[in-house]
Amino acid sequence: MSQADRLRKAVDRLNKELGKLTFQEPVTHVLNPLTYAHKPADVYLERYLCGPPGRTLLLGMNPGPWGMAQTGVPFGEIGAVRDWLGIEEPVSKPSDEHPKRPVEGFECSRSEVSGRRLWGLFSDRFPDPEKFAEQYLVFNYCPLIFLEESGRNRTPDRLPKREREPLFERCDRCLTTLIKELRIVKALGIGKFAERRLKAVKESAGLLEVDSILHPSPANPAANRGWEEAVRPQLGL
C-alpha cells in the first residue's frame, strides 16, 4: 500500500467516525469538505501531504466558510489553490448546505483572508509549489465546519464538552497517524488551539518539537499589524 493510500485510509476512517457524531444548537449545520469536495481534497493529499520525512507540519484548526469549505484544501483561498497549487476539481453540493454560506466550489467569489495570507507567504517564497512541499505541509486538525443559524462559524474549541471530547478523540487519532506516517518531527500550530492539540499527541506521535505561529485571521488584531513579518523568522523564510 502506498503512502497516499495509507493516508486516504486514515482520512476515510476519520470521515466515517465523524459522520456518526451529533451536534446540538446553536450549531445547526455541520459540513465536511473532505466528503463533498473529495476530488480536490484527494489531489491535495496526493501532491502536497505525501512527501519525504523531516518536513515541518503546519496545523490549522478547521475549515473556513470561504476557504476549505469551498475547495477541500486547508486554508483554501481559491486563487492560491487554483493558480499556485494547481488544483481545480469539481465540488458537489453538501447535503447540509447553509443558505447563508453557499458552497459554490471554485466558482465562489468570496476570499478567505487567512488563506490568502498563508498561501501568499509561501507562494512568494516558493514559485514552484513542489519545492514548498519538500519542506512543509499544511493540514487541518478537524475537517468539519460548524455553522450557527445566523451563518456564524463556531470553532471546535467552543463546542460543549460532551461534543468536544469525542470529536477531539477522533481527530487526535487521525493526526497521530498522519504524523507517524509522514515521519514528522517538528510541528507548528497555526494559532494556540492547534498548538495545544499537537502537544496532546506529541508523545504518542513521536514529535520532537512543537510550537505555534500567529494565526493569520483578520479577527486577530496582531495579524493585521504585519502577520507575514511576524511569522517569517519562525518559519526560517
Protein backbone atom coordinates (compact mmCIF):
# COMPACT_ATOMS: atom_id res chain seq x y z
CA MET A 1 0.00 0.00 0.00
CA SER A 2 1.37 3.40 -1.00
CA GLN A 3 1.83 6.32 1.38
CA ALA A 4 -1.10 8.09 -0.29
CA ASP A 5 -3.35 5.06 0.17
CA ARG A 6 -2.43 4.78 3.85
CA LEU A 7 -3.28 8.45 4.35
CA ARG A 8 -6.55 8.01 2.46
CA LYS A 9 -7.41 5.11 4.75
CA ALA A 10 -6.83 7.25 7.83
CA VAL A 11 -8.90 10.12 6.42
CA ASP A 12 -11.70 7.77 5.35
CA ARG A 13 -11.81 6.33 8.86
CA LEU A 14 -11.98 9.81 10.34
CA ASN A 15 -14.80 10.83 8.00
CA LYS A 16 -16.83 7.74 8.93
CA GLU A 17 -16.30 8.27 12.64
CA LEU A 18 -17.16 11.97 12.50
CA GLY A 19 -20.27 11.19 10.47
CA LYS A 20 -21.68 9.34 13.49
CA LEU A 21 -21.32 12.28 15.87
CA THR A 22 -24.19 14.65 16.58
CA PHE A 23 -24.09 18.33 17.48
CA GLN A 24 -26.80 20.45 19.07
CA GLU A 25 -27.82 24.11 18.83
CA PRO A 26 -26.52 26.73 18.47
CA VAL A 27 -24.88 24.61 15.73
CA THR A 28 -27.48 23.98 13.04
CA HIS A 29 -25.34 22.86 10.07
CA VAL A 30 -22.24 20.64 10.01
CA LEU A 31 -20.28 20.28 6.76
CA ASN A 32 -17.35 18.04 5.93
CA PRO A 33 -15.49 19.28 2.82
CA LEU A 34 -13.47 16.05 2.69
CA THR A 35 -16.66 14.32 1.55
CA TYR A 36 -18.44 16.71 -0.83
CA ALA A 37 -15.14 18.28 -2.06
CA HIS A 38 -13.32 14.96 -2.07
CA LYS A 39 -11.92 15.38 -5.59
CA PRO A 40 -9.75 18.45 -4.93
CA ALA A 41 -9.06 17.18 -1.40
CA ASP A 42 -7.66 13.94 -2.80
CA VAL A 43 -5.45 15.76 -5.30
CA TYR A 44 -4.13 17.87 -2.45
CA LEU A 45 -3.41 14.74 -0.39
CA GLU A 46 -1.51 13.12 -3.24
CA ARG A 47 0.57 16.16 -4.21
CA TYR A 48 1.08 18.09 -1.00
CA LEU A 49 0.55 15.84 2.02
CA CYS A 50 2.56 12.91 0.75
CA GLY A 51 6.28 13.55 0.69
CA PRO A 52 9.67 12.97 2.27
CA PRO A 53 10.31 12.69 6.02
CA GLY A 54 11.58 15.64 8.00
CA ARG A 55 9.13 18.29 6.76
CA THR A 56 7.52 20.83 9.06
CA LEU A 57 3.81 20.36 9.70
CA LEU A 58 1.67 23.50 9.87
CA LEU A 59 -1.59 22.59 11.61
CA GLY A 60 -4.75 24.65 11.33
CA MET A 61 -7.95 24.33 13.36
CA ASN A 62 -10.84 23.63 10.98
CA PRO A 63 -12.27 24.92 7.67
CA GLY A 64 -13.35 28.46 6.98
CA PRO A 65 -16.58 29.06 5.01
CA TRP A 66 -14.80 30.72 2.07
CA GLY A 67 -11.68 28.55 2.07
CA MET A 68 -11.58 24.82 2.70
CA ALA A 69 -15.39 24.72 2.78
CA GLN A 70 -15.25 25.65 -0.94
CA THR A 71 -12.13 23.85 -2.14
CA GLY A 72 -11.45 20.93 0.23
CA VAL A 73 -7.94 22.30 0.79
CA PRO A 74 -6.79 23.68 4.18
CA PHE A 75 -6.86 27.50 4.22
CA GLY A 76 -8.18 27.01 0.69
CA GLU A 77 -8.20 30.53 -0.73
CA ILE A 78 -9.46 29.84 -4.24
CA GLY A 79 -6.87 31.86 -6.14
CA ALA A 80 -3.99 30.18 -4.31
CA VAL A 81 -5.41 26.68 -4.68
CA ARG A 82 -6.19 27.09 -8.37
CA ASP A 83 -3.32 29.29 -9.57
CA TRP A 84 -0.42 28.26 -7.34
CA LEU A 85 -1.16 24.76 -6.09
CA GLY A 86 -2.66 23.95 -9.47
CA ILE A 87 -5.80 22.27 -8.15
CA GLU A 88 -9.24 22.82 -9.66
CA GLU A 89 -11.69 19.93 -9.46
CA PRO A 90 -15.49 19.63 -9.30
CA VAL A 91 -17.09 20.22 -5.91
CA SER A 92 -20.51 18.78 -5.07
CA LYS A 93 -23.21 20.41 -3.00
CA PRO A 94 -23.21 19.25 0.63
CA SER A 95 -26.45 17.74 1.92
CA ASP A 96 -26.42 20.12 4.89
CA GLU A 97 -25.65 23.32 2.99
CA HIS A 98 -26.34 26.51 4.93
CA PRO A 99 -28.40 29.02 2.90
CA LYS A 100 -26.25 31.90 4.12
CA ARG A 101 -22.96 30.08 3.41
CA PRO A 102 -23.49 28.51 -0.02
CA VAL A 103 -20.90 26.09 -1.35
CA GLU A 104 -20.01 27.17 -4.88
CA GLY A 105 -16.66 25.44 -5.16
CA PHE A 106 -14.15 27.14 -7.40
CA GLU A 107 -16.88 29.48 -8.65
CA CYS A 108 -17.09 31.17 -5.24
CA SER A 109 -16.25 34.86 -5.47
CA ARG A 110 -15.51 35.33 -1.77
CA SER A 111 -11.96 35.40 -0.45
CA GLU A 112 -10.58 33.82 2.70
CA VAL A 113 -8.13 36.29 4.20
CA SER A 114 -6.37 33.70 6.35
CA GLY A 115 -5.70 31.53 3.33
CA ARG A 116 -4.64 34.47 1.21
CA ARG A 117 -2.08 35.43 3.82
CA LEU A 118 -0.80 31.91 4.49
CA TRP A 119 -0.51 30.67 0.92
CA GLY A 120 0.60 34.11 -0.28
CA LEU A 121 3.61 33.93 2.01
CA PHE A 122 4.63 30.54 0.67
CA SER A 123 3.95 31.32 -2.97
CA ASP A 124 6.20 34.38 -2.69
CA ARG A 125 8.99 32.26 -1.23
CA PHE A 126 8.42 29.19 -3.44
CA PRO A 127 7.38 29.99 -7.03
CA ASP A 128 7.30 26.23 -7.54
CA PRO A 129 4.79 24.68 -5.08
CA GLU A 130 6.56 21.32 -5.30
CA LYS A 131 9.59 22.95 -3.67
CA PHE A 132 7.32 24.14 -0.87
CA ALA A 133 6.03 20.59 -0.42
CA GLU A 134 9.57 19.32 0.08
CA GLN A 135 9.83 21.35 3.30
CA TYR A 136 6.31 21.96 4.60
CA LEU A 137 2.81 20.57 4.66
CA VAL A 138 -0.46 22.15 5.81
CA PHE A 139 -3.24 20.14 7.43
CA ASN A 140 -6.37 20.97 9.41
CA TYR A 141 -6.90 19.28 12.76
CA CYS A 142 -10.65 18.96 12.27
CA PRO A 143 -12.26 18.76 8.81
CA LEU A 144 -15.70 19.83 9.99
CA ILE A 145 -17.16 23.32 9.79
CA PHE A 146 -19.83 24.16 12.36
CA LEU A 147 -22.35 26.85 11.42
CA GLU A 148 -25.00 28.50 13.53
CA GLU A 149 -28.41 29.52 12.21
CA SER A 150 -27.11 33.04 11.55
CA GLY A 151 -24.29 31.64 9.41
CA ARG A 152 -21.73 32.36 12.10
CA ASN A 153 -18.83 29.92 12.27
CA ARG A 154 -18.49 28.15 15.64
CA THR A 155 -14.97 26.83 16.19
CA PRO A 156 -14.41 23.35 17.71
CA ASP A 157 -12.97 24.73 20.96
CA ARG A 158 -16.30 26.47 21.63
CA LEU A 159 -18.37 23.29 21.43
CA PRO A 160 -19.72 21.93 24.73
CA LYS A 161 -17.55 19.33 26.45
CA ARG A 162 -19.91 16.45 25.65
CA GLU A 163 -19.48 17.19 21.93
CA ARG A 164 -15.90 18.37 22.03
CA GLU A 165 -14.31 15.35 23.72
CA PRO A 166 -15.43 12.63 21.24
CA LEU A 167 -14.57 14.98 18.37
CA PHE A 168 -11.07 15.59 19.70
CA GLU A 169 -10.50 11.90 20.40
CA ARG A 170 -11.10 11.03 16.75
CA CYS A 171 -9.18 13.98 15.35
CA ASP A 172 -6.24 13.25 17.66
CA ARG A 173 -6.08 9.70 16.36
CA CYS A 174 -6.03 10.80 12.72
CA LEU A 175 -3.42 13.48 13.45
CA THR A 176 -1.20 10.95 15.20
CA THR A 177 -1.44 8.58 12.24
CA LEU A 178 -0.54 11.34 9.81
CA ILE A 179 2.49 12.45 11.86
CA LYS A 180 3.79 8.90 12.17
CA GLU A 181 3.14 8.00 8.54
CA LEU A 182 4.91 11.11 7.24
CA ARG A 183 7.68 10.87 9.86
CA ILE A 184 7.27 14.42 11.05
CA VAL A 185 9.37 15.57 13.99
CA LYS A 186 8.55 19.31 14.02
CA ALA A 187 5.08 20.80 14.00
CA LEU A 188 3.75 24.34 14.32
CA GLY A 189 0.21 25.12 15.31
CA ILE A 190 -1.34 27.93 13.29
CA GLY A 191 -2.67 29.56 16.43
CA LYS A 192 -2.70 28.37 20.04
CA PHE A 193 -5.57 25.90 19.69
CA ALA A 194 -3.66 23.85 17.13
CA GLU A 195 -0.53 24.02 19.28
CA ARG A 196 -2.47 22.56 22.21
CA ARG A 197 -3.72 19.67 20.09
CA LEU A 198 -0.20 18.99 18.87
CA LYS A 199 1.05 18.93 22.46
CA ALA A 200 -1.75 16.49 23.33
CA VAL A 201 -0.42 13.95 20.79
CA LYS A 202 3.27 14.88 20.98
CA GLU A 203 4.45 11.84 22.92
CA SER A 204 2.29 9.23 21.19
CA ALA A 205 3.08 10.64 17.74
CA GLY A 206 6.82 10.93 18.36
CA LEU A 207 7.09 14.65 17.81
CA LEU A 208 10.31 16.27 18.98
CA GLU A 209 9.37 19.93 18.58
CA VAL A 210 6.04 21.70 18.92
CA ASP A 211 5.44 25.44 18.73
CA SER A 212 2.97 27.87 17.18
CA ILE A 213 2.82 30.80 14.79
CA LEU A 214 0.45 33.72 14.83
CA HIS A 215 -2.89 32.86 13.25
CA PRO A 216 -3.44 34.90 10.04
CA SER A 217 -7.15 35.51 10.68
CA PRO A 218 -8.32 39.12 10.24
CA ALA A 219 -10.18 38.61 13.54
CA ASN A 220 -6.75 38.53 15.19
CA PRO A 221 -5.64 42.17 15.69
CA ALA A 222 -1.97 41.18 15.87
CA ALA A 223 -2.22 39.52 12.43
CA ASN A 224 -3.48 42.77 10.95
CA ARG A 225 -0.35 44.57 12.13
CA GLY A 226 2.09 42.62 9.99
CA TRP A 227 1.39 38.88 10.05
CA GLU A 228 3.98 37.98 7.45
CA GLU A 229 6.75 39.89 9.18
CA ALA A 230 5.89 38.17 12.46
CA VAL A 231 5.97 34.58 11.17
CA ARG A 232 8.79 34.65 8.64
CA PRO A 233 11.55 34.27 11.28
CA GLN A 234 9.73 31.35 12.91
CA LEU A 235 9.48 29.60 9.55
CA GLY A 236 13.03 30.41 8.53
CA LEU A 237 11.85 32.30 5.46
